[in-house]
Protein backbone atom coordinates (compact mmCIF):
# COMPACT_ATOMS: atom_id res chain seq x y z
CA MET A 1 -1.28 20.42 -25.57
CA LEU A 2 -2.24 16.87 -24.54
CA GLU A 3 -5.21 15.33 -26.34
CA ILE A 4 -7.26 12.15 -26.07
CA ASN A 5 -5.58 9.26 -27.87
CA SER A 6 -8.57 7.90 -29.79
CA ASN A 7 -6.52 5.25 -31.62
CA ARG A 8 -6.54 2.67 -28.83
CA LYS A 9 -9.05 -0.08 -28.07
CA ILE A 10 -8.92 -1.04 -24.39
CA ILE A 11 -11.19 -3.60 -22.71
CA HIS A 12 -11.46 -3.98 -18.96
CA ILE A 13 -12.90 -7.37 -17.97
CA ASP A 14 -14.18 -7.75 -14.41
CA MET A 15 -15.61 -11.05 -13.17
CA ASP A 16 -18.90 -10.75 -11.31
CA ALA A 17 -18.52 -11.44 -7.56
CA PHE A 18 -15.74 -13.84 -8.53
CA TYR A 19 -14.91 -15.73 -5.30
CA ALA A 20 -18.56 -15.99 -4.30
CA SER A 21 -19.62 -17.00 -7.81
CA VAL A 22 -17.03 -19.80 -7.89
CA GLU A 23 -18.37 -21.12 -4.58
CA GLN A 24 -21.96 -21.01 -5.86
CA MET A 25 -20.92 -22.72 -9.10
CA ASP A 26 -19.15 -25.54 -7.26
CA ASN A 27 -21.87 -25.97 -4.62
CA PRO A 28 -25.43 -25.83 -6.03
CA GLU A 29 -26.84 -25.57 -2.49
CA LEU A 30 -25.35 -22.05 -2.25
CA ARG A 31 -26.92 -20.76 -5.45
CA GLY A 32 -29.40 -17.94 -4.96
CA LYS A 33 -28.37 -17.53 -1.33
CA PRO A 34 -26.47 -14.68 0.40
CA ILE A 35 -22.91 -15.87 0.96
CA ALA A 36 -19.69 -14.25 2.15
CA VAL A 37 -16.28 -15.67 1.36
CA GLY A 38 -13.82 -15.23 4.22
CA GLY A 39 -14.41 -14.10 7.77
CA SER A 40 -16.94 -15.73 10.05
CA GLU A 41 -19.88 -14.75 12.20
CA ASN A 42 -17.49 -13.85 15.01
CA ARG A 43 -14.12 -13.09 13.41
CA GLY A 44 -12.32 -11.99 10.29
CA VAL A 45 -13.08 -9.78 7.33
CA VAL A 46 -15.25 -10.50 4.30
CA ALA A 47 -13.16 -11.08 1.15
CA ALA A 48 -16.11 -11.22 -1.25
CA ALA A 49 -19.90 -11.29 -1.19
CA SER A 50 -22.51 -12.72 -3.55
CA TYR A 51 -24.98 -10.35 -5.17
CA GLU A 52 -27.69 -11.79 -2.92
CA ALA A 53 -25.64 -10.65 0.09
CA ARG A 54 -24.76 -7.26 -1.39
CA LYS A 55 -28.44 -6.31 -1.34
CA PHE A 56 -28.09 -6.23 2.46
CA GLY A 57 -24.96 -4.07 2.47
CA VAL A 58 -22.52 -6.97 2.77
CA ARG A 59 -19.34 -6.16 0.85
CA SER A 60 -15.63 -6.90 0.86
CA ALA A 61 -13.48 -5.48 3.68
CA ILE A 62 -16.25 -5.25 6.29
CA SER A 63 -16.04 -7.38 9.43
CA GLY A 64 -17.80 -10.72 9.67
CA VAL A 65 -19.71 -9.39 12.69
CA MET A 66 -21.06 -6.42 10.73
CA ALA A 67 -21.87 -8.61 7.73
CA LYS A 68 -23.95 -10.98 9.87
CA LYS A 69 -25.69 -8.03 11.50
CA ASN A 70 -26.64 -6.65 8.08
CA CYS A 71 -27.75 -10.04 6.78
CA PRO A 72 -28.80 -12.55 9.50
CA ASP A 73 -29.19 -15.34 6.90
CA LEU A 74 -25.65 -14.86 5.59
CA ILE A 75 -23.67 -18.05 4.93
CA PHE A 76 -19.91 -17.84 5.51
CA VAL A 77 -17.66 -19.87 3.21
CA ARG A 78 -13.96 -20.50 3.74
CA PRO A 79 -11.90 -19.17 0.79
CA ARG A 80 -10.22 -21.66 -1.56
CA PHE A 81 -7.53 -19.63 -3.32
CA ASP A 82 -6.08 -22.60 -5.18
CA ARG A 83 -9.47 -23.10 -6.82
CA TYR A 84 -9.78 -19.39 -7.67
CA LYS A 85 -6.31 -19.43 -9.25
CA GLU A 86 -7.25 -22.51 -11.27
CA ILE A 87 -10.36 -20.80 -12.66
CA SER A 88 -8.43 -17.54 -13.22
CA LYS A 89 -5.89 -19.36 -15.41
CA LYS A 90 -8.69 -20.65 -17.65
CA ILE A 91 -10.11 -17.15 -17.99
CA HIS A 92 -6.72 -15.63 -18.81
CA ALA A 93 -6.12 -18.34 -21.40
CA ILE A 94 -9.27 -17.07 -23.16
CA PHE A 95 -7.91 -13.50 -23.04
CA HIS A 96 -4.69 -14.61 -24.72
CA ASP A 97 -6.67 -16.08 -27.63
CA TYR A 98 -7.42 -12.46 -28.54
CA THR A 99 -4.29 -10.52 -27.58
CA ASP A 100 -0.99 -10.93 -25.77
CA LEU A 101 -1.36 -7.43 -24.34
CA VAL A 102 -3.13 -8.57 -21.17
CA GLU A 103 -2.46 -6.81 -17.86
CA PRO A 104 -3.87 -8.71 -14.86
CA LEU A 105 -4.95 -6.53 -11.94
CA SER A 106 -5.98 -9.49 -9.79
CA LEU A 107 -7.35 -13.01 -10.22
CA ASP A 108 -10.68 -11.62 -11.38
CA GLU A 109 -9.93 -8.58 -13.55
CA ALA A 110 -7.60 -7.51 -16.34
CA TYR A 111 -7.01 -4.94 -19.06
CA LEU A 112 -6.78 -6.08 -22.69
CA ASP A 113 -5.37 -3.93 -25.49
CA VAL A 114 -7.17 -5.12 -28.63
CA THR A 115 -6.10 -2.25 -30.90
CA GLN A 116 -4.43 -5.01 -32.87
CA ASN A 117 -5.83 -8.43 -32.06
CA LYS A 118 -5.43 -12.04 -33.10
CA LYS A 119 -8.96 -12.23 -34.50
CA GLY A 120 -8.49 -9.27 -36.84
CA ASN A 121 -11.77 -7.85 -35.56
CA PRO A 122 -11.85 -4.03 -35.62
CA SER A 123 -14.72 -3.85 -33.10
CA ALA A 124 -13.61 -3.92 -29.46
CA THR A 125 -17.28 -3.99 -28.46
CA LEU A 126 -17.91 -7.25 -30.35
CA LEU A 127 -14.67 -8.74 -29.03
CA ALA A 128 -15.69 -7.98 -25.44
CA LYS A 129 -19.07 -9.62 -26.01
CA GLU A 130 -17.40 -12.70 -27.54
CA ILE A 131 -14.92 -12.98 -24.65
CA ARG A 132 -17.70 -12.74 -22.07
CA THR A 133 -19.74 -15.39 -23.91
CA ARG A 134 -16.75 -17.75 -23.99
CA ILE A 135 -16.11 -17.27 -20.27
CA LEU A 136 -19.74 -18.17 -19.55
CA ASN A 137 -19.76 -21.21 -21.87
CA GLU A 138 -16.29 -22.56 -21.06
CA VAL A 139 -15.92 -21.63 -17.39
CA GLY A 140 -19.50 -21.23 -16.21
CA LEU A 141 -19.21 -17.70 -14.78
CA THR A 142 -20.42 -14.28 -15.86
CA ALA A 143 -18.18 -11.30 -16.50
CA SER A 144 -18.72 -7.59 -17.15
CA ALA A 145 -16.70 -5.36 -19.45
CA GLY A 146 -15.87 -1.74 -20.12
CA ILE A 147 -14.58 -0.66 -23.54
CA SER A 148 -12.97 2.67 -24.38
CA VAL A 149 -9.86 4.50 -25.55
CA ASN A 150 -7.89 4.15 -22.31
CA LYS A 151 -7.62 2.09 -19.14
CA PHE A 152 -9.15 4.75 -16.89
CA VAL A 153 -12.43 5.08 -18.79
CA ALA A 154 -12.66 1.33 -19.52
CA LYS A 155 -12.28 0.57 -15.81
CA ILE A 156 -15.13 2.91 -14.87
CA ALA A 157 -17.33 1.66 -17.73
CA SER A 158 -17.03 -2.00 -16.67
CA ASP A 159 -18.95 -1.19 -13.49
CA TYR A 160 -21.91 0.36 -15.30
CA ASN A 161 -23.93 -2.67 -16.38
CA LYS A 162 -22.90 -5.19 -13.74
CA PRO A 163 -23.52 -8.03 -13.43
CA ASN A 164 -23.17 -9.78 -16.80
CA GLY A 165 -23.16 -6.63 -18.94
CA GLN A 166 -20.86 -4.27 -20.76
CA LYS A 167 -20.61 -0.61 -21.72
CA THR A 168 -18.70 1.03 -24.55
CA VAL A 169 -17.60 4.65 -24.32
CA ASN A 170 -16.69 5.69 -27.86
CA PRO A 171 -14.01 8.34 -28.49
CA ASP A 172 -16.56 11.12 -29.09
CA GLU A 173 -18.46 10.12 -25.94
CA VAL A 174 -15.51 10.21 -23.51
CA LEU A 175 -15.75 13.88 -22.49
CA PRO A 176 -19.57 13.96 -22.00
CA PHE A 177 -19.33 10.65 -20.10
CA LEU A 178 -16.69 12.01 -17.72
CA GLU A 179 -18.40 15.39 -17.29
CA GLU A 180 -21.65 13.75 -16.13
CA LEU A 181 -19.89 11.22 -13.89
CA PRO A 182 -20.30 11.64 -10.10
CA ILE A 183 -16.86 12.29 -8.64
CA ARG A 184 -17.20 9.31 -6.28
CA LYS A 185 -17.21 7.03 -9.34
CA PHE A 186 -13.87 8.27 -10.64
CA TYR A 187 -11.38 5.41 -10.41
CA GLY A 188 -8.61 6.44 -8.00
CA VAL A 189 -10.77 8.89 -6.03
CA GLY A 190 -11.28 7.24 -2.65
CA LYS A 191 -13.64 8.06 0.19
CA VAL A 192 -11.38 10.63 1.85
CA THR A 193 -10.61 12.43 -1.43
CA THR A 194 -14.30 12.39 -2.37
CA GLU A 195 -15.19 14.15 0.89
CA LYS A 196 -12.45 16.71 0.29
CA MET A 197 -13.72 17.37 -3.21
CA TYR A 198 -17.26 17.79 -1.90
CA GLN A 199 -15.96 20.44 0.50
CA LEU A 200 -14.40 22.24 -2.47
CA GLY A 201 -17.69 22.15 -4.39
CA ILE A 202 -16.65 19.37 -6.74
CA PHE A 203 -19.42 16.80 -7.18
CA THR A 204 -19.19 15.86 -10.88
CA GLY A 205 -16.60 15.54 -13.60
CA LEU A 206 -17.73 18.83 -15.09
CA GLU A 207 -17.05 20.64 -11.81
CA LEU A 208 -13.66 18.92 -11.56
CA LYS A 209 -12.88 19.99 -15.12
CA SER A 210 -13.61 23.62 -14.22
CA LYS A 211 -10.70 23.69 -11.77
CA SER A 212 -7.25 24.76 -12.93
CA LEU A 213 -4.16 22.58 -12.73
CA GLU A 214 -2.75 25.01 -10.17
CA PHE A 215 -5.87 24.73 -8.01
CA LEU A 216 -5.88 20.92 -8.08
CA SER A 217 -2.14 20.70 -7.40
CA THR A 218 -2.49 23.06 -4.44
CA HIS A 219 -5.25 20.97 -2.86
CA PHE A 220 -4.25 17.45 -3.93
CA GLY A 221 -0.48 17.57 -4.44
CA LYS A 222 0.90 15.24 -7.12
CA SER A 223 -2.53 13.68 -7.61
CA GLY A 224 -3.83 17.04 -8.80
CA ALA A 225 -2.20 16.64 -12.22
CA PHE A 226 -3.70 13.15 -12.52
CA TYR A 227 -7.23 14.46 -11.83
CA TYR A 228 -6.69 17.39 -14.21
CA HIS A 229 -5.78 15.10 -17.11
CA VAL A 230 -8.12 12.13 -16.62
CA VAL A 231 -11.24 14.31 -16.47
CA ARG A 232 -10.17 15.49 -19.94
CA GLY A 233 -9.93 11.88 -21.12
CA ILE A 234 -6.14 11.88 -21.10
CA HIS A 235 -4.65 8.70 -19.67
CA ASN A 236 -1.93 7.21 -21.84
CA SER A 237 -0.79 4.41 -19.53
CA GLU A 238 -0.06 1.33 -21.62
CA VAL A 239 -1.47 -2.13 -21.00
CA LYS A 240 1.54 -3.87 -19.47
CA PRO A 241 1.57 -7.67 -19.82
CA ASP A 242 4.54 -8.04 -17.49
CA ARG A 243 3.08 -6.13 -14.57
CA ILE A 244 5.77 -5.80 -11.96
CA THR A 245 5.08 -7.14 -8.48
CA LYS A 246 5.73 -4.32 -6.00
CA SER A 247 5.33 -6.29 -2.79
CA VAL A 248 4.71 -9.80 -1.49
CA ALA A 249 2.76 -10.31 1.72
CA ALA A 250 1.26 -12.88 4.06
CA GLU A 251 -1.08 -12.27 6.98
CA HIS A 252 -3.40 -14.05 9.37
CA THR A 253 -6.52 -13.14 11.38
CA PHE A 254 -6.68 -14.99 14.70
CA ASP A 255 -9.67 -16.77 16.23
CA THR A 256 -8.76 -15.23 19.60
CA ASN A 257 -7.08 -11.86 20.10
CA LEU A 258 -3.41 -11.99 21.10
CA SER A 259 -2.22 -9.87 24.00
CA SER A 260 1.29 -11.26 24.53
CA GLU A 261 4.30 -10.64 22.28
CA ILE A 262 5.40 -14.24 22.92
CA PHE A 263 2.23 -15.60 21.26
CA MET A 264 2.61 -13.02 18.51
CA LEU A 265 6.15 -14.23 17.75
CA GLU A 266 4.89 -17.78 17.38
CA GLN A 267 2.34 -16.63 14.82
CA LEU A 268 4.81 -14.35 13.05
CA GLU A 269 7.15 -17.31 12.53
CA LYS A 270 4.35 -19.17 10.75
CA ILE A 271 3.54 -16.08 8.67
CA ALA A 272 7.23 -15.62 7.79
CA THR A 273 7.37 -19.26 6.66
CA SER A 274 4.41 -18.69 4.34
CA LEU A 275 5.98 -15.47 3.01
CA GLU A 276 9.32 -17.21 2.36
CA ARG A 277 7.51 -19.90 0.36
CA ARG A 278 5.82 -17.27 -1.83
CA LEU A 279 9.06 -15.36 -2.36
CA LYS A 280 11.01 -18.46 -3.40
CA LYS A 281 8.22 -19.62 -5.69
CA GLN A 282 8.46 -16.30 -7.58
CA ASN A 283 12.24 -15.99 -7.18
CA ILE A 284 11.83 -12.61 -5.49
CA ALA A 285 13.74 -10.87 -2.70
CA GLY A 286 13.31 -7.43 -1.14
CA LYS A 287 14.89 -4.83 1.10
CA THR A 288 11.95 -3.34 3.01
CA VAL A 289 10.21 -5.41 5.68
CA THR A 290 6.82 -4.20 6.95
CA LEU A 291 4.93 -5.49 9.97
CA LYS A 292 1.16 -4.98 9.82
CA ILE A 293 -0.81 -4.96 13.08
CA LYS A 294 -4.59 -4.78 13.35
CA TYR A 295 -5.91 -4.28 16.87
CA SER A 296 -9.14 -5.52 18.45
CA ASP A 297 -10.77 -2.12 17.83
CA PHE A 298 -9.96 -2.58 14.08
CA SER A 299 -7.43 0.24 14.06
CA GLN A 300 -4.34 -0.59 12.03
CA GLN A 301 -0.64 0.15 12.34
CA THR A 302 2.37 -0.57 10.11
CA ARG A 303 6.05 -0.54 11.04
CA SER A 304 8.76 -0.75 8.38
CA LYS A 305 12.49 -1.20 8.14
CA THR A 306 14.77 -1.12 5.09
CA VAL A 307 17.99 -3.15 5.05
CA PRO A 308 20.94 -2.55 2.66
CA TYR A 309 20.65 -5.96 0.97
CA PHE A 310 17.97 -8.17 -0.59
CA ILE A 311 16.48 -10.82 1.65
CA ALA A 312 14.04 -13.70 1.15
CA ASP A 313 15.10 -16.04 3.93
CA LYS A 314 12.60 -16.66 6.75
CA GLY A 315 15.26 -16.22 9.43
CA LEU A 316 16.36 -12.81 8.17
CA ILE A 317 12.78 -11.66 7.69
CA LEU A 318 11.84 -12.76 11.20
CA GLU A 319 14.92 -11.10 12.68
CA ASN A 320 13.77 -7.73 11.33
CA VAL A 321 10.14 -8.36 12.22
CA LYS A 322 11.11 -9.01 15.85
CA GLU A 323 12.84 -5.65 15.96
CA LEU A 324 9.71 -3.98 14.57
CA LEU A 325 7.47 -5.84 17.01
CA TYR A 326 9.40 -4.54 20.02
CA GLN A 327 9.83 -1.07 18.51
CA GLU A 328 6.99 0.21 20.70
CA ARG A 329 4.41 -1.20 23.07
CA MET A 330 1.16 -2.62 21.78
CA LYS A 331 -1.78 -0.31 22.47
CA ASP A 332 -4.33 -3.14 22.63
CA SER A 333 -4.83 -6.85 21.94
CA VAL A 334 -4.15 -7.91 18.35
CA ARG A 335 -6.58 -9.61 15.94
CA LEU A 336 -4.38 -9.71 12.80
CA LEU A 337 -0.67 -9.79 11.99
CA GLY A 338 0.94 -9.55 8.59
CA ILE A 339 4.40 -9.33 7.05
CA SER A 340 5.20 -7.86 3.65
CA LEU A 341 8.40 -7.42 1.69
CA SER A 342 8.76 -4.56 -0.78
CA ASN A 343 11.54 -2.65 -2.55
CA LEU A 344 11.95 -5.84 -4.57
CA ASN A 345 14.61 -7.05 -6.97
CA THR A 346 12.16 -7.14 -9.88
CA GLU A 347 13.08 -5.16 -12.99
CA GLN A 348 10.74 -3.15 -15.15
CA LYS A 349 10.17 -4.65 -18.59
CA LYS A 350 9.14 -2.38 -21.42
CA THR A 351 6.59 -3.43 -24.01
CA VAL A 352 6.44 -1.64 -27.35
CA VAL A 353 2.85 -1.17 -28.47
CA VAL A 354 2.13 -0.34 -32.11
CA GLN A 355 -1.21 1.46 -32.39
CA LEU A 356 -3.36 1.66 -35.50
CA GLN A 357 -6.69 3.41 -35.88
CA PHE A 358 -9.82 1.28 -36.30
CA ALA A 359 -13.52 2.02 -35.99
CA PHE A 360 -15.01 1.19 -32.59
């Protein structure tokens, strides 16, 4: 029978409104004001929103039009990814002062396994507090943290006392914590799955826990086993420092909708050039080319093709993208195009983690 592994000390660090906070840090005139990074009043999608903007329902992934409607005083800021990467490197350097078992999820969040750590500190709670203090003092930004026995619970916990806070879920608190948790707050349970669970009478972790493995597998397929185990605090996924890239992509949202394939090809060539640059920088190639199309009504479509050999060259990528573009007629004018390459030539690296038991 699987049991909770209470020997591990996992910290999930999540920067607070990272892109927006960087912009407010660099430009004092933006501090205390509702800002959205990405998009515009007329086009595009919001990449990040400041806490001042979030109060009005502005959040990532909503359209710039909707964001402005929700918050008329919203200030749009063009993203500066080079700057975000620069700041992210400083933050990750701090992480590595404590442990080499750091698994980045994105520029602004990561898992740290501090079961054994470079400071010799047995308290993951104190380590998380120290890391957050250093980020504030050395970088100038606030971060939140979740601390627990596995990645799943730590990830959920980091969202509890945002912004600029942390929450520890000790080994003996894991099951009560998960039982009381609303199902919509379970990491990995999206909007569609939440609605399906509601229809099945599952609103909390306790109600999820009452369902058998057979029941969950019947209704949720392979994900059923995942839900069955995590609600019991069982999630033994290791913190993987060498997280494998599964796909590389580039995309662009246009100022004016495109209705002609000729204009789309011109833009796709530029996107393919950007993708080629990213692939060569990382020394990556792939076999599966995917064309992403977002129409003027915000509906989205993807078309994919797998070739028998690895490619990274712009010409070969574009050749396959053209075929996908003409695969079927466009249903409407297009506001966004993207190209991604997956089925990559990256190899999985295994990390051996030695775990000792310490007091939380």
